[in-house]
């Protein structure tokens, strides 16, 4: 998906994770600008190459339960990886 289209989709999405993903995409674009000084984002035809979510660390806590027992409570987290790349004019679909 093109970067502009992805930003618009995330900006107007009512779902909760769209805000952190939008910030992540803006950060990836800024990192691309720092790496490719003098290059224009529009001319480079940036697109989201890959995006995937991996499991992060799990915080293990105890929750009180009846009759003096304790239930294990797992607070899970995750890692999101987003790769942005530029398309050449000859390879454009």
PDB file of N, CA and C in Angstrom:
ATOM      1  N   UNK A   1       0.853  -1.171   0.000  1.00  0.00           N
ATOM      2  CA  UNK A   1       0.000   0.000   0.000  1.00  0.00           C
ATOM      3  C   UNK A   1       0.898   1.232   0.000  1.00  0.00           C
ATOM      4  N   UNK A   2       0.518   2.246  -0.745  1.00  0.00           N
ATOM      5  CA  UNK A   2       1.282   3.491  -0.746  1.00  0.00           C
ATOM      6  C   UNK A   2       1.235   4.129   0.636  1.00  0.00           C
ATOM      7  N   UNK A   3       2.268   4.891   0.969  1.00  0.00           N
ATOM      8  CA  UNK A   3       2.378   5.495   2.292  1.00  0.00           C
ATOM      9  C   UNK A   3       1.248   6.493   2.527  1.00  0.00           C
ATOM     10  N   UNK A   4       0.921   7.301   1.520  1.00  0.00           N
ATOM     11  CA  UNK A   4      -0.149   8.287   1.686  1.00  0.00           C
ATOM     12  C   UNK A   4      -1.490   7.598   1.938  1.00  0.00           C
ATOM     13  N   UNK A   5      -1.747   6.539   1.204  1.00  0.00           N
ATOM     14  CA  UNK A   5      -2.994   5.795   1.377  1.00  0.00           C
ATOM     15  C   UNK A   5      -3.035   5.127   2.753  1.00  0.00           C
ATOM     16  N   UNK A   6      -1.897   4.587   3.194  1.00  0.00           N
ATOM     17  CA  UNK A   6      -1.842   3.944   4.515  1.00  0.00           C
ATOM     18  C   UNK A   6      -2.068   4.966   5.623  1.00  0.00           C
ATOM     19  N   UNK A   7      -1.477   6.158   5.488  1.00  0.00           N
ATOM     20  CA  UNK A   7      -1.680   7.201   6.501  1.00  0.00           C
ATOM     21  C   UNK A   7      -3.144   7.636   6.559  1.00  0.00           C
ATOM     22  N   UNK A   8      -3.776   7.792   5.403  1.00  0.00           N
ATOM     23  CA  UNK A   8      -5.199   8.171   5.393  1.00  0.00           C
ATOM     24  C   UNK A   8      -6.069   7.079   6.003  1.00  0.00           C
ATOM     25  N   UNK A   9      -5.763   5.833   5.697  1.00  0.00           N
ATOM     26  CA  UNK A   9      -6.532   4.725   6.256  1.00  0.00           C
ATOM     27  C   UNK A   9      -6.417   4.690   7.774  1.00  0.00           C
ATOM     28  N   UNK A  10      -5.195   4.866   8.285  1.00  0.00           N
ATOM     29  CA  UNK A  10      -4.987   4.833   9.738  1.00  0.00           C
ATOM     30  C   UNK A  10      -5.584   6.058  10.415  1.00  0.00           C
ATOM     31  N   UNK A  11      -5.510   7.227   9.759  1.00  0.00           N
ATOM     32  CA  UNK A  11      -6.012   8.458  10.369  1.00  0.00           C
ATOM     33  C   UNK A  11      -7.525   8.404  10.585  1.00  0.00           C
ATOM     34  N   UNK A  12      -8.254   7.817   9.624  1.00  0.00           N
ATOM     35  CA  UNK A  12      -9.711   7.826   9.712  1.00  0.00           C
ATOM     36  C   UNK A  12     -10.294   6.502  10.183  1.00  0.00           C
ATOM     37  N   UNK A  13      -9.456   5.606  10.668  1.00  0.00           N
ATOM     38  CA  UNK A  13      -9.944   4.340  11.195  1.00  0.00           C
ATOM     39  C   UNK A  13     -10.410   4.523  12.642  1.00  0.00           C
ATOM     40  N   UNK A  14     -11.583   4.015  13.008  1.00  0.00           N
ATOM     41  CA  UNK A  14     -12.071   4.174  14.377  1.00  0.00           C
ATOM     42  C   UNK A  14     -11.467   3.172  15.365  1.00  0.00           C
ATOM     43  N   UNK A  15     -10.680   2.244  14.880  1.00  0.00           N
ATOM     44  CA  UNK A  15     -10.158   1.194  15.748  1.00  0.00           C
ATOM     45  C   UNK A  15      -9.018   1.725  16.624  1.00  0.00           C
ATOM     46  N   UNK A  16      -8.900   1.160  17.811  1.00  0.00           N
ATOM     47  CA  UNK A  16      -7.937   1.619  18.805  1.00  0.00           C
ATOM     48  C   UNK A  16      -6.470   1.544  18.351  1.00  0.00           C
ATOM     49  N   UNK A  17      -6.017   0.461  17.728  1.00  0.00           N
ATOM     50  CA  UNK A  17      -4.592   0.375  17.387  1.00  0.00           C
ATOM     51  C   UNK A  17      -4.161   1.284  16.235  1.00  0.00           C
ATOM     52  N   UNK A  18      -5.079   1.988  15.602  1.00  0.00           N
ATOM     53  CA  UNK A  18      -4.697   2.805  14.461  1.00  0.00           C
ATOM     54  C   UNK A  18      -3.821   3.984  14.861  1.00  0.00           C
ATOM     55  N   UNK A  19      -3.985   4.524  16.065  1.00  0.00           N
ATOM     56  CA  UNK A  19      -3.190   5.674  16.509  1.00  0.00           C
ATOM     57  C   UNK A  19      -1.716   5.294  16.685  1.00  0.00           C
ATOM     58  N   UNK A  20      -1.376   4.226  17.427  1.00  0.00           N
ATOM     59  CA  UNK A  20       0.046   3.868  17.524  1.00  0.00           C
ATOM     60  C   UNK A  20       0.643   3.431  16.189  1.00  0.00           C
ATOM     61  N   UNK A  21      -0.144   2.782  15.331  1.00  0.00           N
ATOM     62  CA  UNK A  21       0.380   2.369  14.026  1.00  0.00           C
ATOM     63  C   UNK A  21       0.644   3.578  13.136  1.00  0.00           C
ATOM     64  N   UNK A  22      -0.190   4.601  13.252  1.00  0.00           N
ATOM     65  CA  UNK A  22       0.041   5.824  12.489  1.00  0.00           C
ATOM     66  C   UNK A  22       1.341   6.493  12.942  1.00  0.00           C
ATOM     67  N   UNK A  23       1.568   6.537  14.249  1.00  0.00           N
ATOM     68  CA  UNK A  23       2.815   7.102  14.765  1.00  0.00           C
ATOM     69  C   UNK A  23       4.021   6.293  14.312  1.00  0.00           C
ATOM     70  N   UNK A  24       3.870   4.971  14.277  1.00  0.00           N
ATOM     71  CA  UNK A  24       4.955   4.101  13.824  1.00  0.00           C
ATOM     72  C   UNK A  24       5.267   4.350  12.355  1.00  0.00           C
ATOM     73  N   UNK A  25       4.242   4.511  11.529  1.00  0.00           N
ATOM     74  CA  UNK A  25       4.451   4.772  10.106  1.00  0.00           C
ATOM     75  C   UNK A  25       5.104   6.129   9.890  1.00  0.00           C
ATOM     76  N   UNK A  26       4.690   7.147  10.644  1.00  0.00           N
ATOM     77  CA  UNK A  26       5.325   8.466  10.540  1.00  0.00           C
ATOM     78  C   UNK A  26       6.792   8.406  10.965  1.00  0.00           C
ATOM     79  N   UNK A  27       7.091   7.605  11.971  1.00  0.00           N
ATOM     80  CA  UNK A  27       8.469   7.419  12.405  1.00  0.00           C
ATOM     81  C   UNK A  27       9.294   6.718  11.338  1.00  0.00           C
ATOM     82  N   UNK A  28       8.700   5.722  10.670  1.00  0.00           N
ATOM     83  CA  UNK A  28       9.410   5.010   9.600  1.00  0.00           C
ATOM     84  C   UNK A  28       9.700   5.944   8.429  1.00  0.00           C
ATOM     85  N   UNK A  29       8.764   6.841   8.114  1.00  0.00           N
ATOM     86  CA  UNK A  29       8.980   7.809   7.039  1.00  0.00           C
ATOM     87  C   UNK A  29      10.096   8.774   7.416  1.00  0.00           C
ATOM     88  N   UNK A  30      10.100   9.222   8.672  1.00  0.00           N
ATOM     89  CA  UNK A  30      11.157  10.120   9.134  1.00  0.00           C
ATOM     90  C   UNK A  30      12.517   9.431   9.095  1.00  0.00           C
ATOM     91  N   UNK A  31      12.565   8.168   9.469  1.00  0.00           N
ATOM     92  CA  UNK A  31      13.822   7.420   9.396  1.00  0.00           C
ATOM     93  C   UNK A  31      14.288   7.275   7.956  1.00  0.00           C
ATOM     94  N   UNK A  32      13.357   7.067   7.024  1.00  0.00           N
ATOM     95  CA  UNK A  32      13.706   6.963   5.609  1.00  0.00           C
ATOM     96  C   UNK A  32      14.280   8.282   5.106  1.00  0.00           C
ATOM     97  N   UNK A  33      13.679   9.408   5.551  1.00  0.00           N
ATOM     98  CA  UNK A  33      14.181  10.735   5.156  1.00  0.00           C
ATOM     99  C   UNK A  33      15.602  10.964   5.662  1.00  0.00           C
ATOM    100  N   UNK A  34      15.874  10.527   6.898  1.00  0.00           N
ATOM    101  CA  UNK A  34      17.217  10.709   7.461  1.00  0.00           C
ATOM    102  C   UNK A  34      18.241   9.863   6.716  1.00  0.00           C
ATOM    103  N   UNK A  35      17.839   8.682   6.310  1.00  0.00           N
ATOM    104  CA  UNK A  35      18.744   7.783   5.614  1.00  0.00           C
ATOM    105  C   UNK A  35      18.992   8.227   4.176  1.00  0.00           C
ATOM    106  N   UNK A  36      17.972   8.796   3.533  1.00  0.00           N
ATOM    107  CA  UNK A  36      18.065   9.225   2.132  1.00  0.00           C
ATOM    108  C   UNK A  36      17.940  10.736   2.053  1.00  0.00           C
ATOM    109  N   UNK A  37      18.962  11.444   2.480  1.00  0.00           N
ATOM    110  CA  UNK A  37      18.919  12.908   2.464  1.00  0.00           C
ATOM    111  C   UNK A  37      18.880  13.408   1.024  1.00  0.00           C
ATOM    112  N   UNK A  38      18.090  14.430   0.808  1.00  0.00           N
ATOM    113  CA  UNK A  38      17.974  15.006  -0.517  1.00  0.00           C
ATOM    114  C   UNK A  38      16.938  14.336  -1.391  1.00  0.00           C
ATOM    115  N   UNK A  39      16.396  13.202  -0.971  1.00  0.00           N
ATOM    116  CA  UNK A  39      15.369  12.503  -1.751  1.00  0.00           C
ATOM    117  C   UNK A  39      13.992  12.952  -1.294  1.00  0.00           C
ATOM    118  N   UNK A  40      13.067  13.034  -2.234  1.00  0.00           N
ATOM    119  CA  UNK A  40      11.702  13.452  -1.933  1.00  0.00           C
ATOM    120  C   UNK A  40      10.826  12.217  -1.729  1.00  0.00           C
ATOM    121  N   UNK A  41       9.943  12.286  -0.746  1.00  0.00           N
ATOM    122  CA  UNK A  41       9.072  11.151  -0.429  1.00  0.00           C
ATOM    123  C   UNK A  41       8.114  10.872  -1.581  1.00  0.00           C
ATOM    124  N   UNK A  42       7.591  11.907  -2.192  1.00  0.00           N
ATOM    125  CA  UNK A  42       6.622  11.730  -3.273  1.00  0.00           C
ATOM    126  C   UNK A  42       7.300  11.139  -4.513  1.00  0.00           C
ATOM    127  N   UNK A  43       8.506  11.628  -4.829  1.00  0.00           N
ATOM    128  CA  UNK A  43       9.223  11.106  -5.993  1.00  0.00           C
ATOM    129  C   UNK A  43       9.660   9.650  -5.791  1.00  0.00           C
ATOM    130  N   UNK A  44       9.941   9.273  -4.541  1.00  0.00           N
ATOM    131  CA  UNK A  44      10.425   7.916  -4.262  1.00  0.00           C
ATOM    132  C   UNK A  44       9.306   6.887  -4.299  1.00  0.00           C
ATOM    133  N   UNK A  45       8.051   7.346  -4.320  1.00  0.00           N
ATOM    134  CA  UNK A  45       6.900   6.433  -4.304  1.00  0.00           C
ATOM    135  C   UNK A  45       7.015   5.433  -3.156  1.00  0.00           C
ATOM    136  N   UNK A  46       7.087   5.942  -1.938  1.00  0.00           N
ATOM    137  CA  UNK A  46       7.211   5.070  -0.772  1.00  0.00           C
ATOM    138  C   UNK A  46       5.965   4.209  -0.598  1.00  0.00           C
ATOM    139  N   UNK A  47       6.190   2.995  -0.156  1.00  0.00           N
ATOM    140  CA  UNK A  47       5.101   2.079   0.134  1.00  0.00           C
ATOM    141  C   UNK A  47       5.484   1.226   1.334  1.00  0.00           C
ATOM    142  N   UNK A  48       4.466   0.655   1.968  1.00  0.00           N
ATOM    143  CA  UNK A  48       4.679  -0.233   3.113  1.00  0.00           C
ATOM    144  C   UNK A  48       5.020  -1.605   2.542  1.00  0.00           C
ATOM    145  N   UNK A  49       6.282  -1.994   2.708  1.00  0.00           N
ATOM    146  CA  UNK A  49       6.751  -3.259   2.129  1.00  0.00           C
ATOM    147  C   UNK A  49       6.262  -4.448   2.955  1.00  0.00           C
ATOM    148  N   UNK A  50       6.552  -4.436   4.239  1.00  0.00           N
ATOM    149  CA  UNK A  50       6.092  -5.508   5.126  1.00  0.00           C
ATOM    150  C   UNK A  50       5.677  -4.918   6.463  1.00  0.00           C
ATOM    151  N   UNK A  51       4.729  -5.579   7.084  1.00  0.00           N
ATOM    152  CA  UNK A  51       4.345  -5.233   8.450  1.00  0.00           C
ATOM    153  C   UNK A  51       3.911  -6.528   9.129  1.00  0.00           C
ATOM    154  N   UNK A  52       4.446  -6.768  10.320  1.00  0.00           N
ATOM    155  CA  UNK A  52       4.044  -7.958  11.065  1.00  0.00           C
ATOM    156  C   UNK A  52       4.171  -7.710  12.555  1.00  0.00           C
ATOM    157  N   UNK A  53       3.444  -8.513  13.309  1.00  0.00           N
ATOM    158  CA  UNK A  53       3.384  -8.388  14.765  1.00  0.00           C
ATOM    159  C   UNK A  53       3.908  -9.679  15.378  1.00  0.00           C
ATOM    160  N   UNK A  54       4.875  -9.546  16.272  1.00  0.00           N
ATOM    161  CA  UNK A  54       5.416 -10.680  17.013  1.00  0.00           C
ATOM    162  C   UNK A  54       5.060 -10.533  18.487  1.00  0.00           C
ATOM    163  N   UNK A  55       5.056 -11.629  19.168  1.00  0.00           N
ATOM    164  CA  UNK A  55       4.796 -11.595  20.601  1.00  0.00           C
ATOM    165  C   UNK A  55       5.964 -10.980  21.355  1.00  0.00           C
ATOM    166  N   UNK A  56       5.650 -10.156  22.325  1.00  0.00           N
ATOM    167  CA  UNK A  56       6.676  -9.543  23.165  1.00  0.00           C
ATOM    168  C   UNK A  56       6.769 -10.277  24.486  1.00  0.00           C
ATOM    169  N   UNK A  57       7.289  -9.587  25.476  1.00  0.00           N
ATOM    170  CA  UNK A  57       7.412 -10.260  26.770  1.00  0.00           C
ATOM    171  C   UNK A  57       6.068 -10.285  27.484  1.00  0.00           C
ATOM    172  N   UNK A  58       5.942 -11.208  28.395  1.00  0.00           N
ATOM    173  CA  UNK A  58       4.712 -11.386  29.159  1.00  0.00           C
ATOM    174  C   UNK A  58       5.001 -11.117  30.627  1.00  0.00           C
ATOM    175  N   UNK A  59       4.245 -10.193  31.217  1.00  0.00           N
ATOM    176  CA  UNK A  59       4.355  -9.939  32.650  1.00  0.00           C
ATOM    177  C   UNK A  59       3.425 -10.902  33.366  1.00  0.00           C
ATOM    178  N   UNK A  60       3.951 -11.636  34.320  1.00  0.00           N
ATOM    179  CA  UNK A  60       3.147 -12.623  35.039  1.00  0.00           C
ATOM    180  C   UNK A  60       2.804 -12.080  36.424  1.00  0.00           C
ATOM    181  N   UNK A  61       1.512 -11.984  36.683  1.00  0.00           N
ATOM    182  CA  UNK A  61       1.007 -11.472  37.948  1.00  0.00           C
ATOM    183  C   UNK A  61       0.052 -12.491  38.546  1.00  0.00           C
ATOM    184  N   UNK A  62      -0.239 -12.342  39.828  1.00  0.00           N
ATOM    185  CA  UNK A  62      -1.182 -13.229  40.497  1.00  0.00           C
ATOM    186  C   UNK A  62      -2.449 -12.441  40.834  1.00  0.00           C
ATOM    187  N   UNK A  63      -3.581 -13.105  40.633  1.00  0.00           N
ATOM    188  CA  UNK A  63      -4.885 -12.522  40.899  1.00  0.00           C
ATOM    189  C   UNK A  63      -5.536 -13.335  42.023  1.00  0.00           C
ATOM    190  N   UNK A  64      -6.069 -12.686  43.057  1.00  0.00           N
ATOM    191  CA  UNK A  64      -6.691 -13.447  44.128  1.00  0.00           C
ATOM    192  C   UNK A  64      -7.903 -14.239  43.647  1.00  0.00           C
ATOM    193  N   UNK A  65      -8.037 -15.437  44.179  1.00  0.00           N
ATOM    194  CA  UNK A  65      -9.137 -16.325  43.800  1.00  0.00           C
ATOM    195  C   UNK A  65      -9.784 -16.869  45.078  1.00  0.00           C
ATOM    196  N   UNK A  66     -10.925 -17.505  44.954  1.00  0.00           N
ATOM    197  CA  UNK A  66     -11.614 -18.019  46.148  1.00  0.00           C
ATOM    198  C   UNK A  66     -10.807 -19.089  46.885  1.00  0.00           C
ATOM    199  N   UNK A  67     -11.100 -19.216  48.151  1.00  0.00           N
ATOM    200  CA  UNK A  67     -10.521 -20.238  49.026  1.00  0.00           C
ATOM    201  C   UNK A  67      -9.005 -20.165  49.103  1.00  0.00           C
ATOM    202  N   UNK A  68      -8.464 -18.965  49.113  1.00  0.00           N
ATOM    203  CA  UNK A  68      -7.026 -18.776  49.311  1.00  0.00           C
ATOM    204  C   UNK A  68      -6.164 -19.117  48.112  1.00  0.00           C
ATOM    205  N   UNK A  69      -6.765 -19.385  46.986  1.00  0.00           N
ATOM    206  CA  UNK A  69      -5.974 -19.695  45.793  1.00  0.00           C
ATOM    207  C   UNK A  69      -5.593 -18.421  45.063  1.00  0.00           C
ATOM    208  N   UNK A  70      -4.742 -18.597  44.055  1.00  0.00           N
ATOM    209  CA  UNK A  70      -4.352 -17.466  43.212  1.00  0.00           C
ATOM    210  C   UNK A  70      -4.362 -17.917  41.764  1.00  0.00           C
ATOM    211  N   UNK A  71      -4.929 -17.096  40.904  1.00  0.00           N
ATOM    212  CA  UNK A  71      -4.926 -17.374  39.474  1.00  0.00           C
ATOM    213  C   UNK A  71      -3.807 -16.569  38.829  1.00  0.00           C
ATOM    214  N   UNK A  72      -3.175 -17.191  37.870  1.00  0.00           N
ATOM    215  CA  UNK A  72      -2.114 -16.498  37.150  1.00  0.00           C
ATOM    216  C   UNK A  72      -2.732 -15.565  36.114  1.00  0.00           C
ATOM    217  N   UNK A  73      -2.256 -14.329  36.102  1.00  0.00           N
ATOM    218  CA  UNK A  73      -2.718 -13.331  35.157  1.00  0.00           C
ATOM    219  C   UNK A  73      -1.543 -12.978  34.246  1.00  0.00           C
ATOM    220  N   UNK A  74      -1.719 -13.151  32.952  1.00  0.00           N
ATOM    221  CA  UNK A  74      -0.643 -12.863  31.994  1.00  0.00           C
ATOM    222  C   UNK A  74      -0.953 -11.568  31.272  1.00  0.00           C
ATOM    223  N   UNK A  75      -0.091 -10.563  31.459  1.00  0.00           N
ATOM    224  CA  UNK A  75      -0.243  -9.298  30.739  1.00  0.00           C
ATOM    225  C   UNK A  75       0.686  -9.363  29.536  1.00  0.00           C
ATOM    226  N   UNK A  76       0.091  -9.570  28.381  1.00  0.00           N
ATOM    227  CA  UNK A  76       0.886  -9.784  27.171  1.00  0.00           C
ATOM    228  C   UNK A  76       1.179  -8.470  26.469  1.00  0.00           C
ATOM    229  N   UNK A  77       2.330  -8.432  25.775  1.00  0.00           N
ATOM    230  CA  UNK A  77       2.689  -7.289  24.940  1.00  0.00           C
ATOM    231  C   UNK A  77       3.133  -7.818  23.584  1.00  0.00           C
ATOM    232  N   UNK A  78       3.429  -6.920  22.652  1.00  0.00           N
ATOM    233  CA  UNK A  78       3.837  -7.355  21.325  1.00  0.00           C
ATOM    234  C   UNK A  78       4.836  -6.378  20.717  1.00  0.00           C
ATOM    235  N   UNK A  79       5.461  -6.804  19.637  1.00  0.00           N
ATOM    236  CA  UNK A  79       6.400  -5.988  18.876  1.00  0.00           C
ATOM    237  C   UNK A  79       5.861  -5.872  17.455  1.00  0.00           C
ATOM    238  N   UNK A  80       5.783  -4.642  16.951  1.00  0.00           N
ATOM    239  CA  UNK A  80       5.317  -4.406  15.589  1.00  0.00           C
ATOM    240  C   UNK A  80       6.516  -3.997  14.745  1.00  0.00           C
ATOM    241  N   UNK A  81       6.700  -4.654  13.604  1.00  0.00           N
ATOM    242  CA  UNK A  81       7.777  -4.329  12.679  1.00  0.00           C
ATOM    243  C   UNK A  81       7.156  -3.832  11.382  1.00  0.00           C
ATOM    244  N   UNK A  82       7.618  -2.643  10.934  1.00  0.00           N
ATOM    245  CA  UNK A  82       7.091  -2.031   9.729  1.00  0.00           C
ATOM    246  C   UNK A  82       8.264  -1.637   8.847  1.00  0.00           C
ATOM    247  N   UNK A  83       8.259  -2.080   7.592  1.00  0.00           N
ATOM    248  CA  UNK A  83       9.333  -1.778   6.650  1.00  0.00           C
ATOM    249  C   UNK A  83       8.765  -0.925   5.532  1.00  0.00           C
ATOM    250  N   UNK A  84       9.406   0.241   5.291  1.00  0.00           N
ATOM    251  CA  UNK A  84       9.004   1.156   4.230  1.00  0.00           C
ATOM    252  C   UNK A  84      10.085   1.143   3.165  1.00  0.00           C
ATOM    253  N   UNK A  85       9.668   1.079   1.889  1.00  0.00           N
ATOM    254  CA  UNK A  85      10.632   1.045   0.786  1.00  0.00           C
ATOM    255  C   UNK A  85      10.126   1.951  -0.324  1.00  0.00           C
ATOM    256  N   UNK A  86      11.037   2.313  -1.234  1.00  0.00           N
ATOM    257  CA  UNK A  86      10.672   3.158  -2.362  1.00  0.00           C
ATOM    258  C   UNK A  86      10.610   2.329  -3.629  1.00  0.00           C
ATOM    259  N   UNK A  87       9.653   2.672  -4.494  1.00  0.00           N
ATOM    260  CA  UNK A  87       9.520   1.982  -5.774  1.00  0.00           C
ATOM    261  C   UNK A  87      10.237   2.792  -6.845  1.00  0.00           C
ATOM    262  N   UNK A  88      10.884   2.098  -7.776  1.00  0.00           N
ATOM    263  CA  UNK A  88      11.445   2.772  -8.943  1.00  0.00           C
ATOM    264  C   UNK A  88      10.314   3.046  -9.917  1.00  0.00           C
ATOM    265  N   UNK A  89      10.512   4.035 -10.776  1.00  0.00           N
ATOM    266  CA  UNK A  89       9.489   4.360 -11.757  1.00  0.00           C
ATOM    267  C   UNK A  89       9.274   3.218 -12.744  1.00  0.00           C
ATOM    268  N   UNK A  90      10.313   2.432 -13.038  1.00  0.00           N
ATOM    269  CA  UNK A  90      10.173   1.352 -14.016  1.00  0.00           C
ATOM    270  C   UNK A  90       9.464   0.146 -13.447  1.00  0.00           C
ATOM    271  N   UNK A  91       9.523  -0.070 -12.109  1.00  0.00           N
ATOM    272  CA  UNK A  91       8.923  -1.243 -11.490  1.00  0.00           C
ATOM    273  C   UNK A  91       7.537  -1.003 -10.939  1.00  0.00           C
ATOM    274  N   UNK A  92       6.973   0.147 -11.232  1.00  0.00           N
ATOM    275  CA  UNK A  92       5.696   0.501 -10.621  1.00  0.00           C
ATOM    276  C   UNK A  92       4.550  -0.297 -11.217  1.00  0.00           C
ATOM    277  N   UNK A  93       3.615  -0.761 -10.355  1.00  0.00           N
ATOM    278  CA  UNK A  93       2.437  -1.524 -10.804  1.00  0.00           C
ATOM    279  C   UNK A  93       1.251  -0.622 -10.975  1.00  0.00           C
TER     280      UNK A  93
END
